[in-house]
């Protein structure tokens, strides 16, 4: 039994005298492809962004107003209603002495 164990342990040794396998060129091909795609992406992104995501421009008209037109007043009747209401309350009771 002990002889089998020592024989099995001896067979687990790594043979260091064997020549190394040649380095794979696929690693370098993938790395260079990644670098090329990254460089193209960095240079092409501003062009794509400018063409795809155009900023909307609003055109306005500049008009000069005479003093006669400036005296026109607008009167309207109605009331203003808030979209939101808030309740404000202090965490500590007391009075405000000065603001």
C-alpha atoms as a PDB file:
ATOM      1  CA  UNK A   1       0.000   0.000   0.000  1.00  0.00           C
ATOM      2  CA  UNK A   2       2.788   2.418   0.919  1.00  0.00           C
ATOM      3  CA  UNK A   3       4.645   1.478  -2.256  1.00  0.00           C
ATOM      4  CA  UNK A   4       1.606   2.386  -4.393  1.00  0.00           C
ATOM      5  CA  UNK A   5       1.288   5.714  -2.621  1.00  0.00           C
ATOM      6  CA  UNK A   6       4.914   6.683  -3.166  1.00  0.00           C
ATOM      7  CA  UNK A   7       4.688   5.576  -6.801  1.00  0.00           C
ATOM      8  CA  UNK A   8       1.570   7.705  -7.335  1.00  0.00           C
ATOM      9  CA  UNK A   9       3.213  10.697  -5.681  1.00  0.00           C
ATOM     10  CA  UNK A  10       6.280  10.323  -7.866  1.00  0.00           C
ATOM     11  CA  UNK A  11       4.140  10.318 -10.990  1.00  0.00           C
ATOM     12  CA  UNK A  12       2.725  13.728 -10.034  1.00  0.00           C
ATOM     13  CA  UNK A  13       6.074  15.470 -10.564  1.00  0.00           C
ATOM     14  CA  UNK A  14       6.260  18.159 -13.255  1.00  0.00           C
ATOM     15  CA  UNK A  15       8.794  17.399 -15.966  1.00  0.00           C
ATOM     16  CA  UNK A  16      10.894  20.593 -16.143  1.00  0.00           C
ATOM     17  CA  UNK A  17      13.208  19.262 -18.836  1.00  0.00           C
ATOM     18  CA  UNK A  18      10.496  19.305 -21.523  1.00  0.00           C
ATOM     19  CA  UNK A  19      10.700  22.257 -23.948  1.00  0.00           C
ATOM     20  CA  UNK A  20       8.153  25.044 -23.558  1.00  0.00           C
ATOM     21  CA  UNK A  21       5.368  25.190 -26.100  1.00  0.00           C
ATOM     22  CA  UNK A  22       5.631  28.119 -28.524  1.00  0.00           C
ATOM     23  CA  UNK A  23       3.747  31.283 -27.511  1.00  0.00           C
ATOM     24  CA  UNK A  24       0.356  31.613 -29.088  1.00  0.00           C
ATOM     25  CA  UNK A  25       0.005  34.422 -31.632  1.00  0.00           C
ATOM     26  CA  UNK A  26      -3.749  34.542 -31.118  1.00  0.00           C
ATOM     27  CA  UNK A  27      -3.225  36.522 -27.916  1.00  0.00           C
ATOM     28  CA  UNK A  28      -1.336  39.224 -29.820  1.00  0.00           C
ATOM     29  CA  UNK A  29      -3.900  39.257 -32.620  1.00  0.00           C
ATOM     30  CA  UNK A  30      -6.730  39.843 -30.145  1.00  0.00           C
ATOM     31  CA  UNK A  31      -4.758  42.508 -28.302  1.00  0.00           C
ATOM     32  CA  UNK A  32      -3.936  44.409 -31.486  1.00  0.00           C
ATOM     33  CA  UNK A  33      -7.546  44.139 -32.699  1.00  0.00           C
ATOM     34  CA  UNK A  34      -8.729  45.519 -29.362  1.00  0.00           C
ATOM     35  CA  UNK A  35      -6.303  48.447 -29.611  1.00  0.00           C
ATOM     36  CA  UNK A  36      -7.352  49.212 -33.210  1.00  0.00           C
ATOM     37  CA  UNK A  37     -11.063  49.104 -32.364  1.00  0.00           C
ATOM     38  CA  UNK A  38     -10.472  51.305 -29.313  1.00  0.00           C
ATOM     39  CA  UNK A  39      -8.537  53.866 -31.352  1.00  0.00           C
ATOM     40  CA  UNK A  40     -11.251  53.930 -34.019  1.00  0.00           C
ATOM     41  CA  UNK A  41     -13.900  54.337 -31.352  1.00  0.00           C
ATOM     42  CA  UNK A  42     -12.091  57.231 -29.716  1.00  0.00           C
ATOM     43  CA  UNK A  43     -11.623  59.060 -33.009  1.00  0.00           C
ATOM     44  CA  UNK A  44     -15.059  58.298 -34.462  1.00  0.00           C
ATOM     45  CA  UNK A  45     -17.152  59.002 -31.346  1.00  0.00           C
ATOM     46  CA  UNK A  46     -17.217  62.821 -31.650  1.00  0.00           C
ATOM     47  CA  UNK A  47     -18.303  62.563 -35.295  1.00  0.00           C
ATOM     48  CA  UNK A  48     -21.039  60.054 -34.495  1.00  0.00           C
ATOM     49  CA  UNK A  49     -22.195  62.091 -31.521  1.00  0.00           C
ATOM     50  CA  UNK A  50     -22.421  65.253 -33.636  1.00  0.00           C
ATOM     51  CA  UNK A  51     -24.473  63.532 -36.332  1.00  0.00           C
ATOM     52  CA  UNK A  52     -26.748  61.392 -34.176  1.00  0.00           C
ATOM     53  CA  UNK A  53     -27.429  63.700 -31.245  1.00  0.00           C
ATOM     54  CA  UNK A  54     -27.983  67.065 -32.873  1.00  0.00           C
ATOM     55  CA  UNK A  55     -28.786  69.872 -30.466  1.00  0.00           C
ATOM     56  CA  UNK A  56     -32.142  71.494 -31.296  1.00  0.00           C
ATOM     57  CA  UNK A  57     -31.777  75.166 -32.129  1.00  0.00           C
ATOM     58  CA  UNK A  58     -34.687  77.535 -31.646  1.00  0.00           C
ATOM     59  CA  UNK A  59     -34.849  80.493 -34.017  1.00  0.00           C
ATOM     60  CA  UNK A  60     -36.094  83.758 -32.601  1.00  0.00           C
ATOM     61  CA  UNK A  61     -36.848  87.159 -34.057  1.00  0.00           C
ATOM     62  CA  UNK A  62     -35.522  90.437 -32.738  1.00  0.00           C
ATOM     63  CA  UNK A  63     -37.997  93.315 -32.910  1.00  0.00           C
ATOM     64  CA  UNK A  64     -37.431  96.884 -31.831  1.00  0.00           C
ATOM     65  CA  UNK A  65     -40.287  98.421 -29.867  1.00  0.00           C
ATOM     66  CA  UNK A  66     -41.252 102.048 -30.147  1.00  0.00           C
ATOM     67  CA  UNK A  67     -42.308 104.029 -27.044  1.00  0.00           C
ATOM     68  CA  UNK A  68     -45.910 104.106 -28.337  1.00  0.00           C
ATOM     69  CA  UNK A  69     -46.069 100.306 -28.338  1.00  0.00           C
ATOM     70  CA  UNK A  70     -44.505 100.080 -24.871  1.00  0.00           C
ATOM     71  CA  UNK A  71     -47.446 101.823 -23.237  1.00  0.00           C
ATOM     72  CA  UNK A  72     -49.873  98.996 -24.074  1.00  0.00           C
ATOM     73  CA  UNK A  73     -51.082  97.279 -20.901  1.00  0.00           C
ATOM     74  CA  UNK A  74     -52.646  93.904 -20.468  1.00  0.00           C
ATOM     75  CA  UNK A  75     -55.274  93.386 -17.813  1.00  0.00           C
ATOM     76  CA  UNK A  76     -56.507  89.915 -16.973  1.00  0.00           C
ATOM     77  CA  UNK A  77     -58.866  88.579 -14.334  1.00  0.00           C
ATOM     78  CA  UNK A  78     -58.402  85.263 -12.541  1.00  0.00           C
ATOM     79  CA  UNK A  79     -56.454  83.619  -9.781  1.00  0.00           C
ATOM     80  CA  UNK A  80     -53.240  81.669  -9.383  1.00  0.00           C
ATOM     81  CA  UNK A  81     -53.339  78.103  -8.128  1.00  0.00           C
ATOM     82  CA  UNK A  82     -50.192  76.340  -6.941  1.00  0.00           C
ATOM     83  CA  UNK A  83     -49.243  72.958  -8.401  1.00  0.00           C
ATOM     84  CA  UNK A  84     -47.833  71.760  -5.065  1.00  0.00           C
ATOM     85  CA  UNK A  85     -48.491  72.647  -1.481  1.00  0.00           C
ATOM     86  CA  UNK A  86     -46.100  72.173   1.400  1.00  0.00           C
ATOM     87  CA  UNK A  87     -46.589  72.183   5.127  1.00  0.00           C
ATOM     88  CA  UNK A  88     -43.671  73.487   7.106  1.00  0.00           C
ATOM     89  CA  UNK A  89     -43.400  72.756  10.794  1.00  0.00           C
ATOM     90  CA  UNK A  90     -40.535  73.139  13.265  1.00  0.00           C
ATOM     91  CA  UNK A  91     -39.050  70.127  14.996  1.00  0.00           C
ATOM     92  CA  UNK A  92     -38.713  72.049  18.249  1.00  0.00           C
ATOM     93  CA  UNK A  93     -41.621  74.108  19.622  1.00  0.00           C
ATOM     94  CA  UNK A  94     -40.947  77.753  20.432  1.00  0.00           C
ATOM     95  CA  UNK A  95     -41.158  81.312  19.131  1.00  0.00           C
ATOM     96  CA  UNK A  96     -39.012  83.157  16.622  1.00  0.00           C
ATOM     97  CA  UNK A  97     -37.679  86.295  18.261  1.00  0.00           C
ATOM     98  CA  UNK A  98     -35.856  87.824  15.339  1.00  0.00           C
ATOM     99  CA  UNK A  99     -35.267  87.125  11.656  1.00  0.00           C
END
